[in-house]
Amino acid sequence: SYTENYVSNKFLLKRSFECGLDIKSPIELFNLANSGNELAKMIFKEYGENIGEVISIIVNEHKVDEIYFSGGIVHGKELFFDFIESSLGKFSKCGVPKLNVLEAEYETGCFGASRLFDSH
């Protein structure tokens, strides 16, 4: 699927391979990026842009004004969150929603997804 190919661990590993990086996990890519590897940082930039583009589909369809991120993805937020926001600015017709990070001690992704369309 589109999302699996562009906004998942599968994307990070595939792009790493295409760029000639010998890594076995997204954690290794994260460590490379944090140590200053420009290719690794570029892959996370693309990853953030892809996430922003995918989220813009939901934003445009449902006029979402806040997005919450949680789970493992937030540990690398400094590498790609700015690119999510700039991509949303490019693709969202309804403005850029506020991006929030939930740094809980437990995985909240399923709960967050189930509350996506809950009215407040």
Protein backbone atom coordinates (compact mmCIF):
# COMPACT_ATOMS: atom_id res chain seq x y z
CA SER A 1 0.00 0.00 0.00
CA TYR A 2 1.00 3.63 -0.44
CA THR A 3 1.34 4.34 3.25
CA GLU A 4 3.39 1.23 3.94
CA ASN A 5 5.75 2.09 1.11
CA TYR A 6 6.23 5.74 2.15
CA VAL A 7 5.60 6.23 5.89
CA SER A 8 6.70 3.05 7.61
CA ASN A 9 9.84 1.24 8.70
CA LYS A 10 9.71 -0.42 5.29
CA PHE A 11 10.32 2.98 3.67
CA LEU A 12 13.24 3.78 5.96
CA LEU A 13 14.91 0.44 5.24
CA LYS A 14 14.26 0.56 1.49
CA ARG A 15 15.62 4.09 1.10
CA SER A 16 18.63 3.21 3.23
CA PHE A 17 19.40 0.30 0.92
CA GLU A 18 18.89 2.48 -2.18
CA CYS A 19 21.33 5.03 -0.75
CA GLY A 20 23.95 2.38 -0.03
CA LEU A 21 23.63 2.46 3.76
CA ASP A 22 24.28 -0.90 5.38
CA ILE A 23 21.71 -0.88 8.16
CA LYS A 24 19.40 -3.56 9.51
CA SER A 25 16.88 -1.46 11.45
CA PRO A 26 15.42 2.04 11.64
CA ILE A 27 17.25 2.41 14.98
CA GLU A 28 20.56 2.04 13.18
CA LEU A 29 19.44 4.69 10.66
CA PHE A 30 18.40 6.95 13.56
CA ASN A 31 21.82 6.53 15.16
CA LEU A 32 23.57 7.31 11.87
CA ALA A 33 21.48 10.47 11.42
CA ASN A 34 22.18 11.58 14.98
CA SER A 35 25.91 11.08 14.40
CA GLY A 36 25.72 13.48 11.44
CA ASN A 37 25.41 11.15 8.44
CA GLU A 38 23.91 13.35 5.70
CA LEU A 39 22.31 10.45 3.78
CA ALA A 40 20.56 9.23 6.91
CA LYS A 41 19.32 12.76 7.66
CA MET A 42 18.05 13.09 4.07
CA ILE A 43 16.08 9.83 4.43
CA PHE A 44 14.40 11.12 7.60
CA LYS A 45 13.61 14.38 5.76
CA GLU A 46 11.85 12.40 3.02
CA TYR A 47 10.09 10.34 5.68
CA GLY A 48 8.72 13.48 7.35
CA GLU A 49 7.62 14.94 4.02
CA ASN A 50 5.83 11.69 3.19
CA ILE A 51 4.05 11.63 6.55
CA GLY A 52 2.92 15.23 6.02
CA GLU A 53 1.58 14.41 2.56
CA VAL A 54 -0.35 11.38 3.83
CA ILE A 55 -1.78 13.29 6.81
CA SER A 56 -2.85 16.12 4.47
CA ILE A 57 -5.34 13.71 2.88
CA ILE A 58 -7.10 13.34 6.24
CA VAL A 59 -6.78 17.06 7.00
CA ASN A 60 -8.29 18.04 3.65
CA GLU A 61 -11.14 15.56 3.92
CA HIS A 62 -12.08 16.16 7.56
CA LYS A 63 -10.72 19.63 8.44
CA VAL A 64 -8.60 18.26 11.29
CA ASP A 65 -6.97 21.02 13.34
CA GLU A 66 -4.79 18.92 15.66
CA ILE A 67 -2.74 15.77 15.11
CA TYR A 68 -1.34 13.66 17.95
CA PHE A 69 1.72 11.43 17.61
CA SER A 70 2.72 8.76 20.09
CA GLY A 71 4.68 5.55 20.36
CA GLY A 72 8.07 4.79 18.89
CA ILE A 73 7.82 7.40 16.16
CA VAL A 74 8.21 10.26 18.64
CA HIS A 75 11.69 9.16 19.70
CA GLY A 76 13.11 10.43 16.40
CA LYS A 77 10.92 13.51 16.11
CA GLU A 78 13.85 15.94 15.97
CA LEU A 79 14.90 14.34 12.67
CA PHE A 80 11.65 14.74 10.76
CA PHE A 81 8.86 16.67 12.53
CA ASP A 82 9.77 19.99 10.91
CA PHE A 83 9.42 18.31 7.53
CA ILE A 84 5.96 16.95 8.42
CA GLU A 85 4.86 20.50 9.14
CA SER A 86 6.33 21.97 5.94
CA SER A 87 4.79 19.18 3.87
CA LEU A 88 1.41 19.79 5.48
CA GLY A 89 1.79 23.46 4.55
CA LYS A 90 2.33 22.42 0.95
CA PHE A 91 -0.50 19.88 0.64
CA SER A 92 -3.19 20.91 3.16
CA LYS A 93 -5.93 23.09 1.74
CA CYS A 94 -7.43 23.76 5.18
CA GLY A 95 -4.28 25.04 6.88
CA VAL A 96 -1.67 23.28 8.94
CA PRO A 97 -3.00 21.47 11.99
CA LYS A 98 -1.21 21.75 15.30
CA LEU A 99 1.18 18.82 15.80
CA ASN A 100 1.22 17.38 19.32
CA VAL A 101 3.44 14.71 20.82
CA LEU A 102 2.13 12.41 23.53
CA GLU A 103 5.08 11.08 25.42
CA ALA A 104 3.28 8.42 27.41
CA GLU A 105 4.88 5.47 29.15
CA TYR A 106 2.73 3.12 27.10
CA GLU A 107 1.76 2.74 23.45
CA THR A 108 -1.19 5.02 22.74
CA GLY A 109 -1.37 4.70 18.95
CA CYS A 110 -4.47 2.50 18.82
CA PHE A 111 -6.29 4.67 21.33
CA GLY A 112 -5.34 7.80 19.41
CA ALA A 113 -6.46 6.33 16.10
CA SER A 114 -9.80 5.29 17.58
CA ARG A 115 -10.41 8.86 18.75
CA LEU A 116 -9.49 10.52 15.45
CA PHE A 117 -13.04 11.51 14.58
CA ASP A 118 -14.31 12.05 18.10
CA SER A 119 -15.96 15.46 18.49
CA HIS A 120 -14.68 17.60 21.34
